[in-house]
Amino acid sequence: VESGGGLVQPGGSLKLSCTASGRTFSNTAMGWFRQVPGKERDFVVAIS
């Protein structure tokens, strides 16, 4: 479950959160992706 999105002015900041359930989280690699309508989903960042 993601949260933290919104509207921000250029130069501003946002902090997104993603909370996981159902498995041992420490044994999970995570990533963030983003997608604009009509385009493919793009990689943003990853953490092991």
All heavy atoms as atom14 arrays in JSON, in Angstrom:
{
  "sequence": "VESGGGLVQPGGSLKLSCTASGRTFSNTAMGWFRQVPGKERDFVVAIS",
  "atom14_mask": [
    [1, 1, 1, 1, 1, 1, 1, 0, 0, 0, 0, 0, 0, 0],
    [1, 1, 1, 1, 1, 1, 1, 1, 1, 0, 0, 0, 0, 0],
    [1, 1, 1, 1, 1, 1, 0, 0, 0, 0, 0, 0, 0, 0],
    [1, 1, 1, 1, 0, 0, 0, 0, 0, 0, 0, 0, 0, 0],
    [1, 1, 1, 1, 0, 0, 0, 0, 0, 0, 0, 0, 0, 0],
    [1, 1, 1, 1, 0, 0, 0, 0, 0, 0, 0, 0, 0, 0],
    [1, 1, 1, 1, 1, 1, 1, 1, 0, 0, 0, 0, 0, 0],
    [1, 1, 1, 1, 1, 1, 1, 0, 0, 0, 0, 0, 0, 0],
    [1, 1, 1, 1, 1, 1, 1, 1, 1, 0, 0, 0, 0, 0],
    [1, 1, 1, 1, 1, 1, 1, 0, 0, 0, 0, 0, 0, 0],
    [1, 1, 1, 1, 0, 0, 0, 0, 0, 0, 0, 0, 0, 0],
    [1, 1, 1, 1, 0, 0, 0, 0, 0, 0, 0, 0, 0, 0],
    [1, 1, 1, 1, 1, 1, 0, 0, 0, 0, 0, 0, 0, 0],
    [1, 1, 1, 1, 1, 1, 1, 1, 0, 0, 0, 0, 0, 0],
    [1, 1, 1, 1, 1, 1, 1, 1, 1, 0, 0, 0, 0, 0],
    [1, 1, 1, 1, 1, 1, 1, 1, 0, 0, 0, 0, 0, 0],
    [1, 1, 1, 1, 1, 1, 0, 0, 0, 0, 0, 0, 0, 0],
    [1, 1, 1, 1, 1, 1, 0, 0, 0, 0, 0, 0, 0, 0],
    [1, 1, 1, 1, 1, 1, 1, 0, 0, 0, 0, 0, 0, 0],
    [1, 1, 1, 1, 1, 0, 0, 0, 0, 0, 0, 0, 0, 0],
    [1, 1, 1, 1, 1, 1, 0, 0, 0, 0, 0, 0, 0, 0],
    [1, 1, 1, 1, 0, 0, 0, 0, 0, 0, 0, 0, 0, 0],
    [1, 1, 1, 1, 1, 1, 1, 1, 1, 1, 1, 0, 0, 0],
    [1, 1, 1, 1, 1, 1, 1, 0, 0, 0, 0, 0, 0, 0],
    [1, 1, 1, 1, 1, 1, 1, 1, 1, 1, 1, 0, 0, 0],
    [1, 1, 1, 1, 1, 1, 0, 0, 0, 0, 0, 0, 0, 0],
    [1, 1, 1, 1, 1, 1, 1, 1, 0, 0, 0, 0, 0, 0],
    [1, 1, 1, 1, 1, 1, 1, 0, 0, 0, 0, 0, 0, 0],
    [1, 1, 1, 1, 1, 0, 0, 0, 0, 0, 0, 0, 0, 0],
    [1, 1, 1, 1, 1, 1, 1, 1, 0, 0, 0, 0, 0, 0],
    [1, 1, 1, 1, 0, 0, 0, 0, 0, 0, 0, 0, 0, 0],
    [1, 1, 1, 1, 1, 1, 1, 1, 1, 1, 1, 1, 1, 1],
    [1, 1, 1, 1, 1, 1, 1, 1, 1, 1, 1, 0, 0, 0],
    [1, 1, 1, 1, 1, 1, 1, 1, 1, 1, 1, 0, 0, 0],
    [1, 1, 1, 1, 1, 1, 1, 1, 1, 0, 0, 0, 0, 0],
    [1, 1, 1, 1, 1, 1, 1, 0, 0, 0, 0, 0, 0, 0],
    [1, 1, 1, 1, 1, 1, 1, 0, 0, 0, 0, 0, 0, 0],
    [1, 1, 1, 1, 0, 0, 0, 0, 0, 0, 0, 0, 0, 0],
    [1, 1, 1, 1, 1, 1, 1, 1, 1, 0, 0, 0, 0, 0],
    [1, 1, 1, 1, 1, 1, 1, 1, 1, 0, 0, 0, 0, 0],
    [1, 1, 1, 1, 1, 1, 1, 1, 1, 1, 1, 0, 0, 0],
    [1, 1, 1, 1, 1, 1, 1, 1, 0, 0, 0, 0, 0, 0],
    [1, 1, 1, 1, 1, 1, 1, 1, 1, 1, 1, 0, 0, 0],
    [1, 1, 1, 1, 1, 1, 1, 0, 0, 0, 0, 0, 0, 0],
    [1, 1, 1, 1, 1, 1, 1, 0, 0, 0, 0, 0, 0, 0],
    [1, 1, 1, 1, 1, 0, 0, 0, 0, 0, 0, 0, 0, 0],
    [1, 1, 1, 1, 1, 1, 1, 1, 0, 0, 0, 0, 0, 0],
    [1, 1, 1, 1, 1, 1, 0, 0, 0, 0, 0, 0, 0, 0]
  ],
  "atom14_positions": [
    [[0.85, -1.18, 0.0], [0.0, 0.0, 0.0], [0.89, 1.23, 0.0], [1.66, 1.45, 0.94], [-0.94, 0.02, 1.22], [-1.78, 1.29, 1.2], [-1.83, -1.22, 1.22], [0.0, 0.0, 0.0], [0.0, 0.0, 0.0], [0.0, 0.0, 0.0], [0.0, 0.0, 0.0], [0.0, 0.0, 0.0], [0.0, 0.0, 0.0], [0.0, 0.0, 0.0]],
    [[0.75, 2.04, -1.06], [1.52, 3.28, -1.16], [0.72, 4.44, -0.59], [-0.51, 4.44, -0.61], [1.87, 3.61, -2.61], [2.7, 2.59, -3.35], [1.89, 1.81, -4.34], [0.66, 1.7, -4.12], [2.45, 1.32, -5.34], [0.0, 0.0, 0.0], [0.0, 0.0, 0.0], [0.0, 0.0, 0.0], [0.0, 0.0, 0.0], [0.0, 0.0, 0.0]],
    [[1.44, 5.45, -0.15], [0.81, 6.68, 0.29], [1.82, 7.82, 0.15], [3.01, 7.58, -0.04], [0.33, 6.57, 1.74], [1.42, 6.32, 2.6], [0.0, 0.0, 0.0], [0.0, 0.0, 0.0], [0.0, 0.0, 0.0], [0.0, 0.0, 0.0], [0.0, 0.0, 0.0], [0.0, 0.0, 0.0], [0.0, 0.0, 0.0], [0.0, 0.0, 0.0]],
    [[1.32, 9.05, 0.25], [2.2, 10.21, 0.26], [2.23, 11.02, -1.02], [2.9, 12.06, -1.07], [0.0, 0.0, 0.0], [0.0, 0.0, 0.0], [0.0, 0.0, 0.0], [0.0, 0.0, 0.0], [0.0, 0.0, 0.0], [0.0, 0.0, 0.0], [0.0, 0.0, 0.0], [0.0, 0.0, 0.0], [0.0, 0.0, 0.0], [0.0, 0.0, 0.0]],
    [[1.52, 10.57, -2.03], [1.5, 11.34, -3.27], [0.69, 12.63, -3.11], [0.04, 12.86, -2.09], [0.0, 0.0, 0.0], [0.0, 0.0, 0.0], [0.0, 0.0, 0.0], [0.0, 0.0, 0.0], [0.0, 0.0, 0.0], [0.0, 0.0, 0.0], [0.0, 0.0, 0.0], [0.0, 0.0, 0.0], [0.0, 0.0, 0.0], [0.0, 0.0, 0.0]],
    [[0.77, 13.47, -4.14], [0.03, 14.72, -4.09], [0.52, 15.71, -5.12], [1.28, 15.36, -6.03], [0.0, 0.0, 0.0], [0.0, 0.0, 0.0], [0.0, 0.0, 0.0], [0.0, 0.0, 0.0], [0.0, 0.0, 0.0], [0.0, 0.0, 0.0], [0.0, 0.0, 0.0], [0.0, 0.0, 0.0], [0.0, 0.0, 0.0], [0.0, 0.0, 0.0]],
    [[0.1, 16.95, -4.94], [0.48, 18.05, -5.82], [1.57, 18.87, -5.15], [1.42, 19.26, -3.97], [-0.74, 18.92, -6.12], [-0.49, 20.22, -6.89], [0.03, 19.93, -8.29], [-1.77, 21.05, -6.94], [0.0, 0.0, 0.0], [0.0, 0.0, 0.0], [0.0, 0.0, 0.0], [0.0, 0.0, 0.0], [0.0, 0.0, 0.0], [0.0, 0.0, 0.0]],
    [[2.63, 19.14, -5.86], [3.74, 19.93, -5.32], [4.27, 20.84, -6.41], [4.21, 20.51, -7.6], [4.85, 19.0, -4.78], [5.46, 18.16, -5.89], [5.9, 19.78, -4.01], [0.0, 0.0, 0.0], [0.0, 0.0, 0.0], [0.0, 0.0, 0.0], [0.0, 0.0, 0.0], [0.0, 0.0, 0.0], [0.0, 0.0, 0.0], [0.0, 0.0, 0.0]],
    [[4.79, 21.97, -6.01], [5.36, 22.92, -6.97], [6.75, 22.46, -7.41], [7.45, 21.75, -6.66], [5.44, 24.31, -6.36], [4.09, 24.95, -6.12], [4.22, 26.39, -5.65], [5.26, 26.83, -5.2], [3.13, 27.14, -5.76], [0.0, 0.0, 0.0], [0.0, 0.0, 0.0], [0.0, 0.0, 0.0], [0.0, 0.0, 0.0], [0.0, 0.0, 0.0]],
    [[7.18, 22.86, -8.58], [8.55, 22.54, -9.01], [9.56, 23.02, -7.97], [9.44, 24.11, -7.42], [8.69, 23.33, -10.31], [7.3, 23.41, -10.85], [6.42, 23.56, -9.64], [0.0, 0.0, 0.0], [0.0, 0.0, 0.0], [0.0, 0.0, 0.0], [0.0, 0.0, 0.0], [0.0, 0.0, 0.0], [0.0, 0.0, 0.0], [0.0, 0.0, 0.0]],
    [[10.53, 22.16, -7.71], [11.52, 22.44, -6.67], [11.14, 21.95, -5.3], [11.96, 21.95, -4.38], [0.0, 0.0, 0.0], [0.0, 0.0, 0.0], [0.0, 0.0, 0.0], [0.0, 0.0, 0.0], [0.0, 0.0, 0.0], [0.0, 0.0, 0.0], [0.0, 0.0, 0.0], [0.0, 0.0, 0.0], [0.0, 0.0, 0.0], [0.0, 0.0, 0.0]],
    [[9.9, 21.5, -5.15], [9.43, 21.02, -3.87], [9.8, 19.58, -3.59], [10.52, 18.94, -4.37], [0.0, 0.0, 0.0], [0.0, 0.0, 0.0], [0.0, 0.0, 0.0], [0.0, 0.0, 0.0], [0.0, 0.0, 0.0], [0.0, 0.0, 0.0], [0.0, 0.0, 0.0], [0.0, 0.0, 0.0], [0.0, 0.0, 0.0], [0.0, 0.0, 0.0]],
    [[9.28, 19.08, -2.46], [9.6, 17.72, -2.01], [8.34, 16.96, -1.65], [7.33, 17.55, -1.26], [10.51, 17.78, -0.78], [11.74, 18.42, -1.07], [0.0, 0.0, 0.0], [0.0, 0.0, 0.0], [0.0, 0.0, 0.0], [0.0, 0.0, 0.0], [0.0, 0.0, 0.0], [0.0, 0.0, 0.0], [0.0, 0.0, 0.0], [0.0, 0.0, 0.0]],
    [[8.44, 15.65, -1.79], [7.41, 14.73, -1.32], [8.09, 13.48, -0.8], [9.18, 13.11, -1.28], [6.46, 14.33, -2.46], [5.3, 15.25, -2.84], [4.56, 14.67, -4.02], [4.37, 15.47, -1.67], [0.0, 0.0, 0.0], [0.0, 0.0, 0.0], [0.0, 0.0, 0.0], [0.0, 0.0, 0.0], [0.0, 0.0, 0.0], [0.0, 0.0, 0.0]],
    [[7.44, 12.82, 0.14], [7.95, 11.54, 0.63], [6.86, 10.5, 0.49], [5.8, 10.62, 1.09], [8.39, 11.64, 2.09], [9.07, 10.39, 2.61], [9.63, 10.6, 4.01], [10.4, 9.39, 4.5], [11.01, 9.63, 5.84], [0.0, 0.0, 0.0], [0.0, 0.0, 0.0], [0.0, 0.0, 0.0], [0.0, 0.0, 0.0], [0.0, 0.0, 0.0]],
    [[7.14, 9.5, -0.33], [6.22, 8.4, -0.52], [6.55, 7.27, 0.44], [7.72, 7.05, 0.77], [6.29, 7.88, -1.96], [6.1, 8.89, -3.08], [6.12, 8.18, -4.43], [4.83, 9.68, -2.9], [0.0, 0.0, 0.0], [0.0, 0.0, 0.0], [0.0, 0.0, 0.0], [0.0, 0.0, 0.0], [0.0, 0.0, 0.0], [0.0, 0.0, 0.0]],
    [[5.51, 6.56, 0.86], [5.68, 5.39, 1.72], [5.02, 4.19, 1.05], [4.03, 4.34, 0.34], [5.06, 5.61, 3.08], [5.65, 6.72, 3.74], [0.0, 0.0, 0.0], [0.0, 0.0, 0.0], [0.0, 0.0, 0.0], [0.0, 0.0, 0.0], [0.0, 0.0, 0.0], [0.0, 0.0, 0.0], [0.0, 0.0, 0.0], [0.0, 0.0, 0.0]],
    [[5.56, 3.04, 1.31], [4.98, 1.79, 0.82], [5.09, 0.77, 1.95], [6.2, 0.37, 2.32], [5.71, 1.31, -0.41], [5.19, -0.33, -1.0], [0.0, 0.0, 0.0], [0.0, 0.0, 0.0], [0.0, 0.0, 0.0], [0.0, 0.0, 0.0], [0.0, 0.0, 0.0], [0.0, 0.0, 0.0], [0.0, 0.0, 0.0], [0.0, 0.0, 0.0]],
    [[3.95, 0.37, 2.47], [3.91, -0.58, 3.59], [3.5, -1.95, 3.08], [2.52, -2.08, 2.35], [2.96, -0.09, 4.67], [3.4, 1.19, 5.14], [2.94, -1.06, 5.84], [0.0, 0.0, 0.0], [0.0, 0.0, 0.0], [0.0, 0.0, 0.0], [0.0, 0.0, 0.0], [0.0, 0.0, 0.0], [0.0, 0.0, 0.0], [0.0, 0.0, 0.0]],
    [[4.27, -2.95, 3.48], [4.04, -4.31, 3.02], [3.46, -5.17, 4.13], [3.73, -4.96, 5.32], [5.35, -4.92, 2.54], [0.0, 0.0, 0.0], [0.0, 0.0, 0.0], [0.0, 0.0, 0.0], [0.0, 0.0, 0.0], [0.0, 0.0, 0.0], [0.0, 0.0, 0.0], [0.0, 0.0, 0.0], [0.0, 0.0, 0.0], [0.0, 0.0, 0.0]],
    [[2.7, -6.18, 3.74], [2.18, -7.15, 4.68], [2.14, -8.5, 4.01], [2.13, -8.6, 2.78], [0.78, -6.76, 5.17], [-0.12, -6.69, 4.09], [0.0, 0.0, 0.0], [0.0, 0.0, 0.0], [0.0, 0.0, 0.0], [0.0, 0.0, 0.0], [0.0, 0.0, 0.0], [0.0, 0.0, 0.0], [0.0, 0.0, 0.0], [0.0, 0.0, 0.0]],
    [[2.14, -9.55, 4.8], [1.95, -10.88, 4.27], [3.21, -11.71, 4.13], [3.13, -12.88, 3.79], [0.0, 0.0, 0.0], [0.0, 0.0, 0.0], [0.0, 0.0, 0.0], [0.0, 0.0, 0.0], [0.0, 0.0, 0.0], [0.0, 0.0, 0.0], [0.0, 0.0, 0.0], [0.0, 0.0, 0.0], [0.0, 0.0, 0.0], [0.0, 0.0, 0.0]],
    [[4.37, -11.15, 4.38], [5.62, -11.9, 4.25], [6.68, -11.2, 5.06], [6.56, -10.03, 5.41], [6.06, -11.96, 2.78], [7.17, -12.96, 2.51], [7.61, -12.96, 1.07], [8.54, -14.03, 0.77], [9.83, -13.98, 0.99], [10.37, -12.9, 1.53], [10.61, -15.01, 0.67], [0.0, 0.0, 0.0], [0.0, 0.0, 0.0], [0.0, 0.0, 0.0]],
    [[7.77, -11.94, 5.36], [8.9, -11.34, 6.08], [9.5, -10.24, 5.22], [10.15, -10.5, 4.21], [9.97, -12.38, 6.41], [9.37, -13.42, 7.2], [11.1, -11.75, 7.2], [0.0, 0.0, 0.0], [0.0, 0.0, 0.0], [0.0, 0.0, 0.0], [0.0, 0.0, 0.0], [0.0, 0.0, 0.0], [0.0, 0.0, 0.0], [0.0, 0.0, 0.0]],
    [[9.3, -9.0, 5.62], [9.71, -7.86, 4.81], [11.21, -7.8, 4.64], [11.72, -7.37, 3.59], [9.18, -6.58, 5.45], [9.49, -5.33, 4.68], [8.85, -5.08, 3.48], [10.42, -4.41, 5.15], [9.12, -3.93, 2.75], [10.7, -3.25, 4.43], [10.04, -3.01, 3.22], [0.0, 0.0, 0.0], [0.0, 0.0, 0.0], [0.0, 0.0, 0.0]],
    [[11.95, -8.22, 5.64], [13.41, -8.11, 5.57], [14.0, -8.98, 4.48], [15.12, -8.74, 4.02], [14.04, -8.47, 6.92], [13.68, -9.79, 7.29], [0.0, 0.0, 0.0], [0.0, 0.0, 0.0], [0.0, 0.0, 0.0], [0.0, 0.0, 0.0], [0.0, 0.0, 0.0], [0.0, 0.0, 0.0], [0.0, 0.0, 0.0], [0.0, 0.0, 0.0]],
    [[13.27, -9.99, 4.02], [13.72, -10.85, 2.93], [13.04, -10.48, 1.62], [12.62, -11.33, 0.84], [13.44, -12.32, 3.25], [14.3, -12.84, 4.37], [15.3, -12.23, 4.73], [13.92, -13.96, 4.95], [0.0, 0.0, 0.0], [0.0, 0.0, 0.0], [0.0, 0.0, 0.0], [0.0, 0.0, 0.0], [0.0, 0.0, 0.0], [0.0, 0.0, 0.0]],
    [[12.91, -9.2, 1.39], [12.24, -8.7, 0.2], [13.03, -7.55, -0.4], [13.36, -6.6, 0.31], [10.81, -8.23, 0.53], [10.1, -9.27, 1.18], [10.07, -7.82, -0.73], [0.0, 0.0, 0.0], [0.0, 0.0, 0.0], [0.0, 0.0, 0.0], [0.0, 0.0, 0.0], [0.0, 0.0, 0.0], [0.0, 0.0, 0.0], [0.0, 0.0, 0.0]],
    [[13.35, -7.65, -1.7], [13.92, -6.52, -2.41], [12.78, -5.64, -2.89], [11.72, -6.14, -3.29], [14.75, -7.0, -3.59], [0.0, 0.0, 0.0], [0.0, 0.0, 0.0], [0.0, 0.0, 0.0], [0.0, 0.0, 0.0], [0.0, 0.0, 0.0], [0.0, 0.0, 0.0], [0.0, 0.0, 0.0], [0.0, 0.0, 0.0], [0.0, 0.0, 0.0]],
    [[13.0, -4.34, -2.86], [11.94, -3.4, -3.19], [12.37, -2.45, -4.3], [13.57, -2.18, -4.49], [11.57, -2.58, -1.95], [11.12, -3.39, -0.75], [9.57, -4.28, -1.04], [8.43, -2.9, -1.25], [0.0, 0.0, 0.0], [0.0, 0.0, 0.0], [0.0, 0.0, 0.0], [0.0, 0.0, 0.0], [0.0, 0.0, 0.0], [0.0, 0.0, 0.0]],
    [[11.38, -1.94, -5.0], [11.67, -0.96, -6.04], [10.53, 0.02, -6.18], [9.4, -0.26, -5.75], [0.0, 0.0, 0.0], [0.0, 0.0, 0.0], [0.0, 0.0, 0.0], [0.0, 0.0, 0.0], [0.0, 0.0, 0.0], [0.0, 0.0, 0.0], [0.0, 0.0, 0.0], [0.0, 0.0, 0.0], [0.0, 0.0, 0.0], [0.0, 0.0, 0.0]],
    [[10.85, 1.16, -6.76], [9.83, 2.15, -7.14], [9.89, 2.33, -8.65], [10.98, 2.42, -9.24], [10.09, 3.49, -6.46], [9.75, 3.53, -4.99], [10.6, 3.33, -3.94], [8.47, 3.8, -4.42], [9.92, 3.46, -2.76], [8.6, 3.76, -3.02], [7.2, 4.1, -4.95], [7.54, 3.98, -2.14], [6.15, 4.31, -4.07], [6.32, 4.26, -2.7]],
    [[8.7, 2.39, -9.23], [8.55, 2.65, -10.66], [7.54, 3.78, -10.83], [6.82, 4.12, -9.9], [8.05, 1.38, -11.38], [9.06, 0.27, -11.42], [9.32, -0.5, -10.29], [9.76, -0.01, -12.58], [10.25, -1.53, -10.32], [10.69, -1.03, -12.63], [10.94, -1.78, -11.49], [0.0, 0.0, 0.0], [0.0, 0.0, 0.0], [0.0, 0.0, 0.0]],
    [[7.49, 4.34, -12.02], [6.5, 5.37, -12.29], [6.0, 5.24, -13.72], [6.7, 4.72, -14.6], [7.07, 6.76, -12.04], [8.24, 7.16, -12.93], [8.83, 8.48, -12.45], [9.98, 8.91, -13.25], [10.75, 9.95, -12.95], [10.5, 10.68, -11.85], [11.76, 10.28, -13.73], [0.0, 0.0, 0.0], [0.0, 0.0, 0.0], [0.0, 0.0, 0.0]],
    [[4.78, 5.72, -13.91], [4.15, 5.59, -15.21], [3.3, 6.8, -15.54], [2.51, 7.26, -14.7], [3.29, 4.33, -15.27], [2.76, 4.0, -16.65], [2.1, 2.63, -16.7], [1.6, 2.13, -15.69], [2.1, 2.01, -17.88], [0.0, 0.0, 0.0], [0.0, 0.0, 0.0], [0.0, 0.0, 0.0], [0.0, 0.0, 0.0], [0.0, 0.0, 0.0]],
    [[3.48, 7.29, -16.75], [2.68, 8.36, -17.29], [1.67, 7.74, -18.25], [2.02, 6.8, -18.98], [3.57, 9.39, -18.02], [2.72, 10.45, -18.71], [4.56, 10.02, -17.06], [0.0, 0.0, 0.0], [0.0, 0.0, 0.0], [0.0, 0.0, 0.0], [0.0, 0.0, 0.0], [0.0, 0.0, 0.0], [0.0, 0.0, 0.0], [0.0, 0.0, 0.0]],
    [[0.42, 8.22, -18.28], [-0.58, 7.64, -19.18], [-0.08, 7.56, -20.62], [0.49, 8.52, -21.15], [-1.76, 8.61, -19.06], [-1.63, 9.16, -17.68], [-0.15, 9.29, -17.45], [0.0, 0.0, 0.0], [0.0, 0.0, 0.0], [0.0, 0.0, 0.0], [0.0, 0.0, 0.0], [0.0, 0.0, 0.0], [0.0, 0.0, 0.0], [0.0, 0.0, 0.0]],
    [[-0.26, 6.4, -21.21], [0.14, 6.19, -22.59], [1.58, 5.8, -22.78], [2.02, 5.57, -23.92], [0.0, 0.0, 0.0], [0.0, 0.0, 0.0], [0.0, 0.0, 0.0], [0.0, 0.0, 0.0], [0.0, 0.0, 0.0], [0.0, 0.0, 0.0], [0.0, 0.0, 0.0], [0.0, 0.0, 0.0], [0.0, 0.0, 0.0], [0.0, 0.0, 0.0]],
    [[2.34, 5.7, -21.67], [3.75, 5.32, -21.77], [4.02, 4.11, -20.9], [3.23, 3.72, -20.05], [4.64, 6.49, -21.35], [4.56, 7.69, -22.28], [5.61, 8.72, -21.93], [5.58, 9.87, -22.93], [6.63, 10.89, -22.63], [0.0, 0.0, 0.0], [0.0, 0.0, 0.0], [0.0, 0.0, 0.0], [0.0, 0.0, 0.0], [0.0, 0.0, 0.0]],
    [[5.19, 3.5, -21.14], [5.57, 2.34, -20.36], [5.95, 2.74, -18.93], [6.29, 3.89, -18.67], [6.75, 1.63, -21.02], [6.45, 1.04, -22.39], [7.62, 0.28, -22.96], [8.72, 0.34, -22.4], [7.43, -0.38, -23.99], [0.0, 0.0, 0.0], [0.0, 0.0, 0.0], [0.0, 0.0, 0.0], [0.0, 0.0, 0.0], [0.0, 0.0, 0.0]],
    [[5.89, 1.75, -18.05], [6.29, 1.99, -16.68], [7.81, 2.04, -16.6], [8.5, 1.16, -17.11], [5.74, 0.88, -15.8], [5.87, 1.11, -14.31], [4.79, 0.4, -13.51], [4.6, -0.97, -13.89], [3.62, -1.74, -13.39], [2.78, -1.24, -12.5], [3.51, -2.99, -13.78], [0.0, 0.0, 0.0], [0.0, 0.0, 0.0], [0.0, 0.0, 0.0]],
    [[8.32, 3.08, -15.96], [9.76, 3.3, -15.89], [10.31, 3.02, -14.5], [9.68, 3.32, -13.49], [10.1, 4.76, -16.24], [9.86, 5.07, -17.7], [9.96, 4.15, -18.54], [9.58, 6.26, -18.0], [0.0, 0.0, 0.0], [0.0, 0.0, 0.0], [0.0, 0.0, 0.0], [0.0, 0.0, 0.0], [0.0, 0.0, 0.0], [0.0, 0.0, 0.0]],
    [[11.53, 2.49, -14.46], [12.24, 2.27, -13.21], [12.64, 3.59, -12.59], [13.09, 4.5, -13.28], [13.47, 1.42, -13.48], [14.43, 1.32, -12.33], [14.15, 0.48, -11.26], [15.59, 2.07, -12.31], [15.03, 0.39, -10.19], [16.47, 1.99, -11.24], [16.19, 1.14, -10.18], [0.0, 0.0, 0.0], [0.0, 0.0, 0.0], [0.0, 0.0, 0.0]],
    [[12.48, 3.69, -11.26], [12.89, 4.9, -10.55], [14.08, 4.64, -9.64], [15.09, 5.35, -9.71], [11.72, 5.46, -9.72], [12.17, 6.7, -8.92], [10.54, 5.82, -10.62], [0.0, 0.0, 0.0], [0.0, 0.0, 0.0], [0.0, 0.0, 0.0], [0.0, 0.0, 0.0], [0.0, 0.0, 0.0], [0.0, 0.0, 0.0], [0.0, 0.0, 0.0]],
    [[13.96, 3.64, -8.78], [15.02, 3.37, -7.81], [14.78, 2.0, -7.2], [13.65, 1.52, -7.18], [15.04, 4.46, -6.71], [13.77, 4.46, -5.91], [16.25, 4.37, -5.82], [0.0, 0.0, 0.0], [0.0, 0.0, 0.0], [0.0, 0.0, 0.0], [0.0, 0.0, 0.0], [0.0, 0.0, 0.0], [0.0, 0.0, 0.0], [0.0, 0.0, 0.0]],
    [[15.85, 1.37, -6.69], [15.71, 0.05, -6.09], [16.54, -0.06, -4.83], [17.56, 0.64, -4.67], [16.14, -1.03, -7.08], [0.0, 0.0, 0.0], [0.0, 0.0, 0.0], [0.0, 0.0, 0.0], [0.0, 0.0, 0.0], [0.0, 0.0, 0.0], [0.0, 0.0, 0.0], [0.0, 0.0, 0.0], [0.0, 0.0, 0.0], [0.0, 0.0, 0.0]],
    [[16.11, -0.95, -3.93], [16.86, -1.23, -2.7], [16.83, -2.73, -2.46], [15.79, -3.37, -2.61], [16.29, -0.44, -1.51], [17.2, -0.6, -0.28], [14.86, -0.83, -1.19], [16.87, 0.41, 0.83], [0.0, 0.0, 0.0], [0.0, 0.0, 0.0], [0.0, 0.0, 0.0], [0.0, 0.0, 0.0], [0.0, 0.0, 0.0], [0.0, 0.0, 0.0]],
    [[17.98, -3.28, -2.11], [18.06, -4.72, -1.84], [17.57, -5.01, -0.42], [17.33, -4.1, 0.37], [19.49, -5.19, -2.0], [20.28, -4.74, -0.91], [0.0, 0.0, 0.0], [0.0, 0.0, 0.0], [0.0, 0.0, 0.0], [0.0, 0.0, 0.0], [0.0, 0.0, 0.0], [0.0, 0.0, 0.0], [0.0, 0.0, 0.0], [0.0, 0.0, 0.0]]
  ]
}
